[in-house]
PDB file of N, CA and C in Angstrom:
ATOM      1  N   MET A   1       1.061  -1.216  -0.119  1.00  0.00           N
ATOM      2  CA  MET A   1       0.108   0.196   0.198  1.00  0.00           C
ATOM      3  C   MET A   1       0.567   0.827  -0.068  1.00  0.00           C
ATOM      4  N   ALA A   2       0.397   2.087  -0.316  1.00  0.00           N
ATOM      5  CA  ALA A   2       1.345   3.383  -0.509  1.00  0.00           C
ATOM      6  C   ALA A   2       1.421   4.164   1.062  1.00  0.00           C
ATOM      7  N   SER A   3       0.661   3.437   1.977  1.00  0.00           N
ATOM      8  CA  SER A   3       1.180   4.011   3.417  1.00  0.00           C
ATOM      9  C   SER A   3       2.466   3.228   3.784  1.00  0.00           C
ATOM     10  N   GLY A   4       2.775   2.124   3.174  1.00  0.00           N
ATOM     11  CA  GLY A   4       3.551   0.851   3.686  1.00  0.00           C
ATOM     12  C   GLY A   4       3.367   0.182   4.748  1.00  0.00           C
ATOM     13  N   GLY A   5       1.915   0.077   4.270  1.00  0.00           N
ATOM     14  CA  GLY A   5       1.368  -1.867   5.036  1.00  0.00           C
ATOM     15  C   GLY A   5       1.321  -2.461   3.728  1.00  0.00           C
ATOM     16  N   VAL A   6       0.938  -4.101   4.015  1.00  0.00           N
ATOM     17  CA  VAL A   6       0.601  -4.913   2.828  1.00  0.00           C
ATOM     18  C   VAL A   6      -0.693  -5.763   3.149  1.00  0.00           C
ATOM     19  N   VAL A   7      -1.608  -5.868   1.907  1.00  0.00           N
ATOM     20  CA  VAL A   7      -2.681  -6.642   1.852  1.00  0.00           C
ATOM     21  C   VAL A   7      -2.318  -7.688   1.043  1.00  0.00           C
ATOM     22  N   SER A   8      -2.763  -8.684   1.403  1.00  0.00           N
ATOM     23  CA  SER A   8      -2.353  -9.984   0.500  1.00  0.00           C
ATOM     24  C   SER A   8      -3.939 -10.550   0.323  1.00  0.00           C
ATOM     25  N   GLY A   9      -3.971 -11.542  -0.603  1.00  0.00           N
ATOM     26  CA  GLY A   9      -4.970 -12.282  -1.518  1.00  0.00           C
ATOM     27  C   GLY A   9      -4.210 -13.581  -1.996  1.00  0.00           C
ATOM     28  N   GLY A  10      -4.865 -14.655  -1.597  1.00  0.00           N
ATOM     29  CA  GLY A  10      -4.257 -16.020  -2.186  1.00  0.00           C
ATOM     30  C   GLY A  10      -5.114 -17.290  -2.619  1.00  0.00           C
ATOM     31  N   ALA A  11      -4.905 -17.883  -3.446  1.00  0.00           N
ATOM     32  CA  ALA A  11      -5.737 -19.212  -3.916  1.00  0.00           C
ATOM     33  C   ALA A  11      -4.838 -20.362  -4.427  1.00  0.00           C
ATOM     34  N   CYS A  12      -5.299 -21.523  -4.925  1.00  0.00           N
ATOM     35  CA  CYS A  12      -4.805 -22.389  -5.583  1.00  0.00           C
ATOM     36  C   CYS A  12      -5.282 -23.048  -5.997  1.00  0.00           C
ATOM     37  N   ASP A  13      -4.759 -23.742  -7.475  1.00  0.00           N
ATOM     38  CA  ASP A  13      -5.264 -24.437  -7.980  1.00  0.00           C
ATOM     39  C   ASP A  13      -4.636 -25.223  -8.752  1.00  0.00           C
ATOM     40  N   GLN A  14      -4.478 -26.623  -9.390  1.00  0.00           N
ATOM     41  CA  GLN A  14      -3.895 -27.427 -10.086  1.00  0.00           C
ATOM     42  C   GLN A  14      -4.044 -27.861 -11.842  1.00  0.00           C
ATOM     43  N   SER A  15      -5.241 -27.266 -11.941  1.00  0.00           N
ATOM     44  CA  SER A  15      -5.759 -27.408 -12.876  1.00  0.00           C
ATOM     45  C   SER A  15      -5.273 -26.498 -13.996  1.00  0.00           C
ATOM     46  N   GLY A  16      -4.514 -25.500 -13.676  1.00  0.00           N
ATOM     47  CA  GLY A  16      -3.836 -24.493 -14.790  1.00  0.00           C
ATOM     48  C   GLY A  16      -4.667 -23.893 -15.817  1.00  0.00           C
ATOM     49  N   SER A  17      -6.123 -23.771 -15.134  1.00  0.00           N
ATOM     50  CA  SER A  17      -7.086 -22.823 -16.032  1.00  0.00           C
ATOM     51  C   SER A  17      -6.931 -21.363 -15.848  1.00  0.00           C
ATOM     52  N   GLY A  18      -6.147 -20.657 -14.728  1.00  0.00           N
ATOM     53  CA  GLY A  18      -6.038 -19.984 -14.075  1.00  0.00           C
ATOM     54  C   GLY A  18      -6.874 -18.895 -13.279  1.00  0.00           C
ATOM     55  N   GLN A  19      -8.089 -20.053 -12.950  1.00  0.00           N
ATOM     56  CA  GLN A  19      -8.585 -19.557 -11.844  1.00  0.00           C
ATOM     57  C   GLN A  19      -8.335 -19.016 -10.748  1.00  0.00           C
ATOM     58  N   ALA A  20      -7.228 -19.763 -10.080  1.00  0.00           N
ATOM     59  CA  ALA A  20      -6.570 -19.338  -8.695  1.00  0.00           C
ATOM     60  C   ALA A  20      -5.918 -17.687  -9.017  1.00  0.00           C
ATOM     61  N   SER A  21      -5.623 -17.357  -9.953  1.00  0.00           N
ATOM     62  CA  SER A  21      -5.263 -15.790 -10.121  1.00  0.00           C
ATOM     63  C   SER A  21      -6.527 -14.755 -10.068  1.00  0.00           C
ATOM     64  N   LEU A  22      -7.516 -15.372 -10.440  1.00  0.00           N
ATOM     65  CA  LEU A  22      -8.676 -14.947 -10.440  1.00  0.00           C
ATOM     66  C   LEU A  22      -9.523 -15.014  -9.399  1.00  0.00           C
ATOM     67  N   ARG A  23      -9.435 -15.863  -8.533  1.00  0.00           N
ATOM     68  CA  ARG A  23      -9.872 -15.640  -6.934  1.00  0.00           C
ATOM     69  C   ARG A  23      -8.964 -15.175  -5.716  1.00  0.00           C
ATOM     70  N   ALA A  24      -7.520 -15.678  -6.439  1.00  0.00           N
ATOM     71  CA  ALA A  24      -6.515 -14.268  -5.435  1.00  0.00           C
ATOM     72  C   ALA A  24      -6.912 -12.798  -5.150  1.00  0.00           C
ATOM     73  N   LEU A  25      -7.137 -12.415  -6.572  1.00  0.00           N
ATOM     74  CA  LEU A  25      -7.548 -11.138  -6.857  1.00  0.00           C
ATOM     75  C   LEU A  25      -9.225 -10.898  -6.124  1.00  0.00           C
ATOM     76  N   GLY A  26      -9.820 -11.818  -6.243  1.00  0.00           N
ATOM     77  CA  GLY A  26     -10.865 -11.310  -5.641  1.00  0.00           C
ATOM     78  C   GLY A  26     -11.167 -11.272  -3.939  1.00  0.00           C
ATOM     79  N   GLU A  27      -9.940 -12.082  -3.746  1.00  0.00           N
ATOM     80  CA  GLU A  27      -9.707 -12.109  -2.226  1.00  0.00           C
ATOM     81  C   GLU A  27      -8.821 -11.097  -1.974  1.00  0.00           C
ATOM     82  N   LEU A  28      -7.989 -10.558  -2.581  1.00  0.00           N
ATOM     83  CA  LEU A  28      -7.251  -9.358  -2.254  1.00  0.00           C
ATOM     84  C   LEU A  28      -8.269  -8.199  -2.318  1.00  0.00           C
ATOM     85  N   PHE A  29      -9.193  -8.301  -3.431  1.00  0.00           N
ATOM     86  CA  PHE A  29     -10.211  -7.174  -3.344  1.00  0.00           C
ATOM     87  C   PHE A  29     -10.967  -6.984  -1.864  1.00  0.00           C
ATOM     88  N   ARG A  30     -11.550  -8.048  -1.529  1.00  0.00           N
ATOM     89  CA  ARG A  30     -12.058  -8.392  -0.756  1.00  0.00           C
ATOM     90  C   ARG A  30     -11.691  -7.717   0.813  1.00  0.00           C
ATOM     91  N   HIS A  31     -10.147  -8.323   0.892  1.00  0.00           N
ATOM     92  CA  HIS A  31      -9.360  -7.753   1.934  1.00  0.00           C
ATOM     93  C   HIS A  31      -8.995  -6.073   1.993  1.00  0.00           C
ATOM     94  N   SER A  32      -8.917  -5.575   0.954  1.00  0.00           N
ATOM     95  CA  SER A  32      -8.470  -4.196   0.494  1.00  0.00           C
ATOM     96  C   SER A  32      -9.793  -3.498   0.925  1.00  0.00           C
ATOM     97  N   LEU A  33     -11.172  -3.982   0.778  1.00  0.00           N
ATOM     98  CA  LEU A  33     -12.254  -3.353   1.076  1.00  0.00           C
ATOM     99  C   LEU A  33     -12.519  -3.231   2.591  1.00  0.00           C
ATOM    100  N   ALA A  34     -12.417  -4.216   3.122  1.00  0.00           N
ATOM    101  CA  ALA A  34     -12.377  -4.323   4.671  1.00  0.00           C
ATOM    102  C   ALA A  34     -11.103  -3.636   5.209  1.00  0.00           C
ATOM    103  N   VAL A  35     -10.222  -3.620   4.922  1.00  0.00           N
ATOM    104  CA  VAL A  35      -8.885  -2.707   5.392  1.00  0.00           C
ATOM    105  C   VAL A  35      -9.682  -1.216   5.088  1.00  0.00           C
ATOM    106  N   TRP A  36      -9.954  -0.701   3.979  1.00  0.00           N
ATOM    107  CA  TRP A  36     -10.406   0.669   3.707  1.00  0.00           C
ATOM    108  C   TRP A  36     -11.433   0.879   4.484  1.00  0.00           C
ATOM    109  N   LYS A  37     -12.511   0.035   4.929  1.00  0.00           N
ATOM    110  CA  LYS A  37     -13.539   0.583   5.243  1.00  0.00           C
ATOM    111  C   LYS A  37     -13.402   0.641   7.123  1.00  0.00           C
ATOM    112  N   MET A  38     -11.985  -0.156   7.128  1.00  0.00           N
ATOM    113  CA  MET A  38     -11.566   0.139   8.824  1.00  0.00           C
ATOM    114  C   MET A  38     -11.029   1.410   9.297  1.00  0.00           C
ATOM    115  N   ILE A  39     -10.226   1.835   8.408  1.00  0.00           N
ATOM    116  CA  ILE A  39      -9.784   3.117   7.986  1.00  0.00           C
ATOM    117  C   ILE A  39     -10.759   3.916   7.736  1.00  0.00           C
ATOM    118  N   HIS A  40     -11.685   4.068   6.932  1.00  0.00           N
ATOM    119  CA  HIS A  40     -12.335   5.445   6.731  1.00  0.00           C
ATOM    120  C   HIS A  40     -13.709   5.803   7.609  1.00  0.00           C
ATOM    121  N   SER A  41     -13.889   4.554   8.535  1.00  0.00           N
ATOM    122  CA  SER A  41     -15.251   4.380   9.026  1.00  0.00           C
ATOM    123  C   SER A  41     -14.873   4.871  10.546  1.00  0.00           C
ATOM    124  N   GLY A  42     -13.530   4.472  10.664  1.00  0.00           N
ATOM    125  CA  GLY A  42     -12.903   4.833  12.459  1.00  0.00           C
ATOM    126  C   GLY A  42     -13.319   3.224  13.258  1.00  0.00           C
ATOM    127  N   VAL A  43     -14.182   2.607  12.928  1.00  0.00           N
ATOM    128  CA  VAL A  43     -14.563   1.438  13.618  1.00  0.00           C
ATOM    129  C   VAL A  43     -13.111   0.316  13.392  1.00  0.00           C
ATOM    130  N   GLY A  44     -12.704   0.192  14.648  1.00  0.00           N
ATOM    131  CA  GLY A  44     -11.372  -0.559  14.416  1.00  0.00           C
ATOM    132  C   GLY A  44     -11.926  -2.035  14.291  1.00  0.00           C
ATOM    133  N   PRO A  45     -10.609  -2.982  14.256  1.00  0.00           N
ATOM    134  CA  PRO A  45     -10.760  -4.337  14.036  1.00  0.00           C
ATOM    135  C   PRO A  45     -11.630  -4.644  14.833  1.00  0.00           C
ATOM    136  N   GLN A  46     -12.765  -6.143  15.096  1.00  0.00           N
ATOM    137  CA  GLN A  46     -13.706  -6.614  15.857  1.00  0.00           C
ATOM    138  C   GLN A  46     -13.548  -7.814  16.167  1.00  0.00           C
ATOM    139  N   THR A  47     -12.937  -9.041  14.976  1.00  0.00           N
ATOM    140  CA  THR A  47     -12.276  -9.995  14.998  1.00  0.00           C
ATOM    141  C   THR A  47     -11.137 -10.148  14.869  1.00  0.00           C
ATOM    142  N   PHE A  48     -10.566 -11.558  15.147  1.00  0.00           N
ATOM    143  CA  PHE A  48      -8.893 -11.672  15.358  1.00  0.00           C
ATOM    144  C   PHE A  48      -8.509 -11.735  13.833  1.00  0.00           C
ATOM    145  N   TYR A  49      -9.513 -11.964  12.690  1.00  0.00           N
ATOM    146  CA  TYR A  49      -9.234 -12.080  11.098  1.00  0.00           C
ATOM    147  C   TYR A  49      -9.136 -10.871  10.874  1.00  0.00           C
ATOM    148  N   GLU A  50      -9.969  -9.865  11.259  1.00  0.00           N
ATOM    149  CA  GLU A  50      -9.831  -8.107  11.365  1.00  0.00           C
ATOM    150  C   GLU A  50      -8.381  -7.423  11.912  1.00  0.00           C
ATOM    151  N   ARG A  51      -8.263  -8.220  12.937  1.00  0.00           N
ATOM    152  CA  ARG A  51      -6.890  -7.719  13.560  1.00  0.00           C
ATOM    153  C   ARG A  51      -5.473  -8.101  12.642  1.00  0.00           C
ATOM    154  N   ARG A  52      -5.565  -9.027  12.110  1.00  0.00           N
ATOM    155  CA  ARG A  52      -4.379  -9.486  11.807  1.00  0.00           C
ATOM    156  C   ARG A  52      -4.479  -8.335   9.994  1.00  0.00           C
ATOM    157  N   LEU A  53      -5.522  -8.456   9.805  1.00  0.00           N
ATOM    158  CA  LEU A  53      -5.489  -7.661   8.635  1.00  0.00           C
ATOM    159  C   LEU A  53      -5.135  -6.257   8.884  1.00  0.00           C
ATOM    160  N   ALA A  54      -5.540  -5.577   9.915  1.00  0.00           N
ATOM    161  CA  ALA A  54      -5.139  -4.361  10.258  1.00  0.00           C
ATOM    162  C   ALA A  54      -3.666  -4.388  10.475  1.00  0.00           C
ATOM    163  N   PHE A  55      -3.165  -4.909  11.120  1.00  0.00           N
ATOM    164  CA  PHE A  55      -1.591  -5.524  11.736  1.00  0.00           C
ATOM    165  C   PHE A  55      -0.809  -5.111  10.211  1.00  0.00           C
ATOM    166  N   PHE A  56      -1.193  -6.135   9.470  1.00  0.00           N
ATOM    167  CA  PHE A  56      -0.097  -6.193   8.164  1.00  0.00           C
ATOM    168  C   PHE A  56      -0.510  -4.993   7.210  1.00  0.00           C
ATOM    169  N   ALA A  57      -1.792  -4.264   7.404  1.00  0.00           N
ATOM    170  CA  ALA A  57      -1.856  -3.199   6.852  1.00  0.00           C
ATOM    171  C   ALA A  57      -1.644  -2.084   7.134  1.00  0.00           C
ATOM    172  N   SER A  58      -1.263  -2.071   8.509  1.00  0.00           N
ATOM    173  CA  SER A  58      -0.561  -0.747   9.019  1.00  0.00           C
ATOM    174  C   SER A  58       0.839  -0.705   8.618  1.00  0.00           C
ATOM    175  N   GLN A  59       1.627   0.660   8.679  1.00  0.00           N
ATOM    176  CA  GLN A  59       2.853   0.786   8.159  1.00  0.00           C
ATOM    177  C   GLN A  59       4.186   0.282   9.760  1.00  0.00           C
ATOM    178  N   THR A  60       3.314  -0.273  10.465  1.00  0.00           N
ATOM    179  CA  THR A  60       4.071  -0.784  11.573  1.00  0.00           C
ATOM    180  C   THR A  60       4.916  -1.919  11.683  1.00  0.00           C
ATOM    181  N   GLU A  61       4.948  -2.800  12.377  1.00  0.00           N
ATOM    182  CA  GLU A  61       5.742  -3.883  12.558  1.00  0.00           C
ATOM    183  C   GLU A  61       5.144  -4.981  11.319  1.00  0.00           C
ATOM    184  N   GLY A  62       3.958  -5.155  11.450  1.00  0.00           N
ATOM    185  CA  GLY A  62       3.460  -6.166  10.259  1.00  0.00           C
ATOM    186  C   GLY A  62       3.667  -5.897   8.828  1.00  0.00           C
ATOM    187  N   ALA A  63       4.256  -4.796   8.206  1.00  0.00           N
ATOM    188  CA  ALA A  63       4.647  -4.449   6.947  1.00  0.00           C
ATOM    189  C   ALA A  63       6.472  -4.720   7.116  1.00  0.00           C
ATOM    190  N   SER A  64       6.956  -4.359   7.879  1.00  0.00           N
ATOM    191  CA  SER A  64       8.214  -4.534   8.311  1.00  0.00           C
ATOM    192  C   SER A  64       8.509  -6.357   8.396  1.00  0.00           C
ATOM    193  N   LEU A  65       7.493  -6.720   8.796  1.00  0.00           N
ATOM    194  CA  LEU A  65       7.933  -8.545   8.749  1.00  0.00           C
ATOM    195  C   LEU A  65       7.867  -8.928   7.573  1.00  0.00           C
ATOM    196  N   VAL A  66       7.007  -8.799   6.550  1.00  0.00           N
ATOM    197  CA  VAL A  66       6.665  -9.038   5.572  1.00  0.00           C
ATOM    198  C   VAL A  66       7.925  -8.901   4.483  1.00  0.00           C
ATOM    199  N   LYS A  67       8.282  -7.682   4.836  1.00  0.00           N
ATOM    200  CA  LYS A  67       9.670  -6.926   3.864  1.00  0.00           C
ATOM    201  C   LYS A  67      10.973  -7.831   4.384  1.00  0.00           C
ATOM    202  N   ARG A  68      10.998  -8.030   5.350  1.00  0.00           N
ATOM    203  CA  ARG A  68      12.528  -8.938   5.843  1.00  0.00           C
ATOM    204  C   ARG A  68      12.181 -10.464   5.524  1.00  0.00           C
ATOM    205  N   LYS A  69      10.918 -11.132   5.608  1.00  0.00           N
ATOM    206  CA  LYS A  69      10.817 -12.313   5.266  1.00  0.00           C
ATOM    207  C   LYS A  69      11.257 -12.306   3.335  1.00  0.00           C
ATOM    208  N   LEU A  70      10.320 -11.596   2.739  1.00  0.00           N
ATOM    209  CA  LEU A  70      10.996 -11.361   1.423  1.00  0.00           C
ATOM    210  C   LEU A  70      12.437 -10.698   0.832  1.00  0.00           C
ATOM    211  N   ASP A  71      12.884 -10.330   1.665  1.00  0.00           N
ATOM    212  CA  ASP A  71      14.274  -9.980   1.395  1.00  0.00           C
ATOM    213  C   ASP A  71      15.339 -11.062   1.742  1.00  0.00           C
ATOM    214  N   GLU A  72      14.665 -12.260   2.619  1.00  0.00           N
ATOM    215  CA  GLU A  72      15.695 -13.464   2.828  1.00  0.00           C
ATOM    216  C   GLU A  72      16.086 -14.152   1.837  1.00  0.00           C
ATOM    217  N   VAL A  73      17.356 -14.584   1.964  1.00  0.00           N
ATOM    218  CA  VAL A  73      17.778 -15.904   1.290  1.00  0.00           C
ATOM    219  C   VAL A  73      18.278 -17.029   1.930  1.00  0.00           C
ATOM    220  N   TYR A  74      17.620 -18.114   0.947  1.00  0.00           N
ATOM    221  CA  TYR A  74      17.831 -19.497   2.199  1.00  0.00           C
ATOM    222  C   TYR A  74      18.453 -19.902   1.342  1.00  0.00           C
ATOM    223  N   GLN A  75      19.749 -20.826   2.033  1.00  0.00           N
ATOM    224  CA  GLN A  75      20.650 -21.221   1.426  1.00  0.00           C
ATOM    225  C   GLN A  75      20.263 -23.243   1.685  1.00  0.00           C
ATOM    226  N   THR A  76      19.224 -23.355   2.501  1.00  0.00           N
ATOM    227  CA  THR A  76      18.783 -24.926   2.597  1.00  0.00           C
ATOM    228  C   THR A  76      17.385 -24.806   1.918  1.00  0.00           C
ATOM    229  N   SER A  77      16.998 -26.196   1.731  1.00  0.00           N
ATOM    230  CA  SER A  77      15.749 -26.639   1.431  1.00  0.00           C
ATOM    231  C   SER A  77      14.922 -26.491   2.544  1.00  0.00           C
ATOM    232  N   LEU A  78      13.341 -26.249   2.016  1.00  0.00           N
ATOM    233  CA  LEU A  78      12.798 -26.284   3.527  1.00  0.00           C
ATOM    234  C   LEU A  78      12.117 -27.963   3.405  1.00  0.00           C
ATOM    235  N   ASP A  79      12.101 -28.236   4.772  1.00  0.00           N
ATOM    236  CA  ASP A  79      11.770 -29.771   5.463  1.00  0.00           C
ATOM    237  C   ASP A  79      10.238 -29.610   5.697  1.00  0.00           C
ATOM    238  N   ILE A  80       9.505 -30.179   5.015  1.00  0.00           N
ATOM    239  CA  ILE A  80       7.975 -30.035   4.930  1.00  0.00           C
ATOM    240  C   ILE A  80       7.079 -31.448   5.744  1.00  0.00           C
ATOM    241  N   PRO A  81       6.668 -31.063   6.728  1.00  0.00           N
ATOM    242  CA  PRO A  81       6.131 -32.426   7.733  1.00  0.00           C
ATOM    243  C   PRO A  81       5.422 -33.190   6.947  1.00  0.00           C
ATOM    244  N   ASP A  82       5.385 -34.349   7.534  1.00  0.00           N
ATOM    245  CA  ASP A  82       4.536 -35.882   6.944  1.00  0.00           C
ATOM    246  C   ASP A  82       2.873 -35.175   6.815  1.00  0.00           C
ATOM    247  N   LEU A  83       2.411 -35.499   6.271  1.00  0.00           N
ATOM    248  CA  LEU A  83       0.518 -35.166   6.048  1.00  0.00           C
ATOM    249  C   LEU A  83       0.042 -36.087   6.965  1.00  0.00           C
ATOM    250  N   LEU A  84      -1.025 -35.176   7.853  1.00  0.00           N
ATOM    251  CA  LEU A  84      -1.683 -35.999   8.787  1.00  0.00           C
ATOM    252  C   LEU A  84      -3.508 -36.750   7.777  1.00  0.00           C
ATOM    253  N   TYR A  85      -3.725 -35.403   6.975  1.00  0.00           N
ATOM    254  CA  TYR A  85      -4.884 -35.737   6.318  1.00  0.00           C
ATOM    255  C   TYR A  85      -4.510 -35.450   4.791  1.00  0.00           C
ATOM    256  N   ASP A  86      -5.151 -36.030   3.824  1.00  0.00           N
ATOM    257  CA  ASP A  86      -5.008 -35.884   2.485  1.00  0.00           C
ATOM    258  C   ASP A  86      -5.776 -36.776   1.766  1.00  0.00           C
ATOM    259  N   SER A  87      -7.021 -36.023   1.235  1.00  0.00           N
ATOM    260  CA  SER A  87      -8.225 -36.692   0.976  1.00  0.00           C
ATOM    261  C   SER A  87      -8.996 -36.086   0.534  1.00  0.00           C
ATOM    262  N   LEU A  88      -9.726 -36.189  -0.593  1.00  0.00           N
ATOM    263  CA  LEU A  88     -10.989 -35.331  -1.064  1.00  0.00           C
ATOM    264  C   LEU A  88     -12.432 -35.473  -0.200  1.00  0.00           C
ATOM    265  N   ILE A  89     -13.035 -34.489   0.002  1.00  0.00           N
ATOM    266  CA  ILE A  89     -13.949 -34.356   0.839  1.00  0.00           C
ATOM    267  C   ILE A  89     -15.243 -34.542  -0.047  1.00  0.00           C
ATOM    268  N   ALA A  90     -16.007 -35.297   0.211  1.00  0.00           N
ATOM    269  CA  ALA A  90     -17.591 -35.919  -0.314  1.00  0.00           C
ATOM    270  C   ALA A  90     -18.150 -34.469   0.421  1.00  0.00           C
ATOM    271  N   HIS A  91     -19.192 -34.126  -0.846  1.00  0.00           N
ATOM    272  CA  HIS A  91     -20.272 -33.142  -0.965  1.00  0.00           C
ATOM    273  C   HIS A  91     -21.263 -33.622  -2.142  1.00  0.00           C
ATOM    274  N   PRO A  92     -22.179 -32.469  -1.884  1.00  0.00           N
ATOM    275  CA  PRO A  92     -23.430 -32.660  -2.892  1.00  0.00           C
ATOM    276  C   PRO A  92     -22.778 -32.181  -4.207  1.00  0.00           C
ATOM    277  N   LEU A  93     -21.788 -31.217  -4.726  1.00  0.00           N
ATOM    278  CA  LEU A  93     -21.268 -30.987  -5.996  1.00  0.00           C
ATOM    279  C   LEU A  93     -20.207 -31.704  -6.333  1.00  0.00           C
ATOM    280  N   GLU A  94     -20.103 -32.636  -6.249  1.00  0.00           N
ATOM    281  CA  GLU A  94     -18.411 -32.955  -6.197  1.00  0.00           C
ATOM    282  C   GLU A  94     -18.305 -33.393  -8.036  1.00  0.00           C
ATOM    283  N   ASP A  95     -19.215 -33.542  -8.354  1.00  0.00           N
ATOM    284  CA  ASP A  95     -19.710 -33.861  -9.918  1.00  0.00           C
ATOM    285  C   ASP A  95     -18.833 -32.567 -10.715  1.00  0.00           C
ATOM    286  N   ILE A  96     -18.846 -31.069 -10.201  1.00  0.00           N
ATOM    287  CA  ILE A  96     -18.102 -30.207 -10.661  1.00  0.00           C
ATOM    288  C   ILE A  96     -17.364 -29.627 -10.141  1.00  0.00           C
ATOM    289  N   ILE A  97     -17.233 -29.621  -8.453  1.00  0.00           N
ATOM    290  CA  ILE A  97     -16.209 -28.962  -7.885  1.00  0.00           C
ATOM    291  C   ILE A  97     -15.540 -30.127  -7.024  1.00  0.00           C
ATOM    292  N   LEU A  98     -14.381 -30.205  -6.947  1.00  0.00           N
ATOM    293  CA  LEU A  98     -13.272 -30.922  -6.071  1.00  0.00           C
ATOM    294  C   LEU A  98     -12.872 -30.573  -4.896  1.00  0.00           C
ATOM    295  N   VAL A  99     -13.331 -30.893  -3.472  1.00  0.00           N
ATOM    296  CA  VAL A  99     -13.058 -30.359  -2.506  1.00  0.00           C
ATOM    297  C   VAL A  99     -11.956 -31.346  -1.864  1.00  0.00           C
ATOM    298  N   HIS A 100     -10.348 -30.730  -1.497  1.00  0.00           N
ATOM    299  CA  HIS A 100      -9.274 -31.758  -0.993  1.00  0.00           C
ATOM    300  C   HIS A 100      -8.848 -30.970   0.417  1.00  0.00           C
ATOM    301  N   ARG A 101      -8.832 -31.998   1.273  1.00  0.00           N
ATOM    302  CA  ARG A 101      -8.266 -31.383   2.513  1.00  0.00           C
ATOM    303  C   ARG A 101      -6.901 -31.993   3.036  1.00  0.00           C
ATOM    304  N   CYS A 102      -6.157 -31.372   3.302  1.00  0.00           N
ATOM    305  CA  CYS A 102      -4.727 -32.021   3.513  1.00  0.00           C
ATOM    306  C   CYS A 102      -4.272 -30.910   5.017  1.00  0.00           C
ATOM    307  N   LEU A 103      -3.697 -31.312   5.451  1.00  0.00           N
ATOM    308  CA  LEU A 103      -3.255 -31.052   7.113  1.00  0.00           C
ATOM    309  C   LEU A 103      -1.817 -31.672   7.506  1.00  0.00           C
ATOM    310  N   PHE A 104      -0.998 -30.834   7.643  1.00  0.00           N
ATOM    311  CA  PHE A 104       0.365 -31.364   8.424  1.00  0.00           C
ATOM    312  C   PHE A 104       0.234 -31.406   9.404  1.00  0.00           C
ATOM    313  N   HIS A 105       1.477 -32.373   9.805  1.00  0.00           N
ATOM    314  CA  HIS A 105       1.741 -32.959  11.234  1.00  0.00           C
ATOM    315  C   HIS A 105       2.166 -31.482  11.887  1.00  0.00           C
ATOM    316  N   GLY A 106       1.527 -31.095  13.038  1.00  0.00           N
ATOM    317  CA  GLY A 106       1.818 -29.424  13.611  1.00  0.00           C
ATOM    318  C   GLY A 106       1.546 -28.805  13.140  1.00  0.00           C
ATOM    319  N   GLN A 107       0.732 -28.970  11.740  1.00  0.00           N
ATOM    320  CA  GLN A 107       0.094 -27.130  11.089  1.00  0.00           C
ATOM    321  C   GLN A 107      -0.848 -26.463  12.037  1.00  0.00           C
ATOM    322  N   PRO A 108      -0.524 -25.391  12.117  1.00  0.00           N
ATOM    323  CA  PRO A 108      -1.257 -24.260  13.094  1.00  0.00           C
ATOM    324  C   PRO A 108      -2.484 -24.153  12.217  1.00  0.00           C
ATOM    325  N   SER A 109      -3.437 -23.488  12.812  1.00  0.00           N
ATOM    326  CA  SER A 109      -4.858 -23.452  12.664  1.00  0.00           C
ATOM    327  C   SER A 109      -4.917 -22.613  11.269  1.00  0.00           C
ATOM    328  N   PHE A 110      -5.657 -22.480  10.163  1.00  0.00           N
ATOM    329  CA  PHE A 110      -5.214 -21.689   9.293  1.00  0.00           C
ATOM    330  C   PHE A 110      -5.168 -19.930   9.576  1.00  0.00           C
ATOM    331  N   VAL A 111      -6.610 -19.626   9.985  1.00  0.00           N
ATOM    332  CA  VAL A 111      -6.508 -18.451  10.812  1.00  0.00           C
ATOM    333  C   VAL A 111      -6.132 -17.999  12.014  1.00  0.00           C
ATOM    334  N   GLY A 112      -5.829 -19.142  12.466  1.00  0.00           N
ATOM    335  CA  GLY A 112      -5.109 -19.200  14.190  1.00  0.00           C
ATOM    336  C   GLY A 112      -3.754 -18.646  14.285  1.00  0.00           C
ATOM    337  N   GLY A 113      -3.413 -19.062  15.409  1.00  0.00           N
ATOM    338  CA  GLY A 113      -1.919 -18.856  15.511  1.00  0.00           C
ATOM    339  C   GLY A 113      -1.737 -17.394  15.903  1.00  0.00           C
ATOM    340  N   ASP A 114      -0.566 -17.372  16.342  1.00  0.00           N
ATOM    341  CA  ASP A 114       0.166 -15.943  16.206  1.00  0.00           C
ATOM    342  C   ASP A 114      -0.374 -14.702  15.396  1.00  0.00           C
ATOM    343  N   LEU A 115      -0.598 -13.386  15.890  1.00  0.00           N
ATOM    344  CA  LEU A 115      -0.982 -12.299  15.355  1.00  0.00           C
ATOM    345  C   LEU A 115      -0.150 -12.274  13.955  1.00  0.00           C
ATOM    346  N   GLU A 116       1.057 -12.485  14.429  1.00  0.00           N
ATOM    347  CA  GLU A 116       2.152 -11.809  13.220  1.00  0.00           C
ATOM    348  C   GLU A 116       2.332 -12.839  12.045  1.00  0.00           C
ATOM    349  N   ARG A 117       1.688 -14.327  11.866  1.00  0.00           N
ATOM    350  CA  ARG A 117       1.603 -14.747  10.971  1.00  0.00           C
ATOM    351  C   ARG A 117       0.841 -14.656   9.930  1.00  0.00           C
ATOM    352  N   LEU A 118       1.425 -14.080   8.809  1.00  0.00           N
ATOM    353  CA  LEU A 118       0.457 -13.725   7.568  1.00  0.00           C
ATOM    354  C   LEU A 118      -0.226 -14.973   6.899  1.00  0.00           C
ATOM    355  N   CYS A 119      -1.220 -15.468   7.588  1.00  0.00           N
ATOM    356  CA  CYS A 119      -2.019 -16.306   7.009  1.00  0.00           C
ATOM    357  C   CYS A 119      -3.986 -15.882   7.159  1.00  0.00           C
ATOM    358  N   LEU A 120      -4.203 -15.491   5.936  1.00  0.00           N
ATOM    359  CA  LEU A 120      -5.289 -14.742   6.215  1.00  0.00           C
ATOM    360  C   LEU A 120      -6.481 -15.223   4.953  1.00  0.00           C
TER     361      LEU A 120
END
């Protein structure tokens, strides 16, 4: 952001259709809109998710953490823990949409964990 903060959006897709980029842009828009509303309404973050959004969107420590992480150069490979779950989830629309769940051993909850963890 021009103020120095960071707003993110992400998605994944293995089909090669490019839909992940579109969904990531949609999430980036929703996050940007939420941050804009927090700034312009004068109403601060109400939930943990909103507090994390505000933390990284501000020009304080959150944006500095992201910049430091992006600037790091790693000399070793990343060790990924074993998967605890790795399976398709059955649901009524599975003929057109696949839902897959995976979870690593010791993985923190997606939105949970420390405020300083950029996972939105």
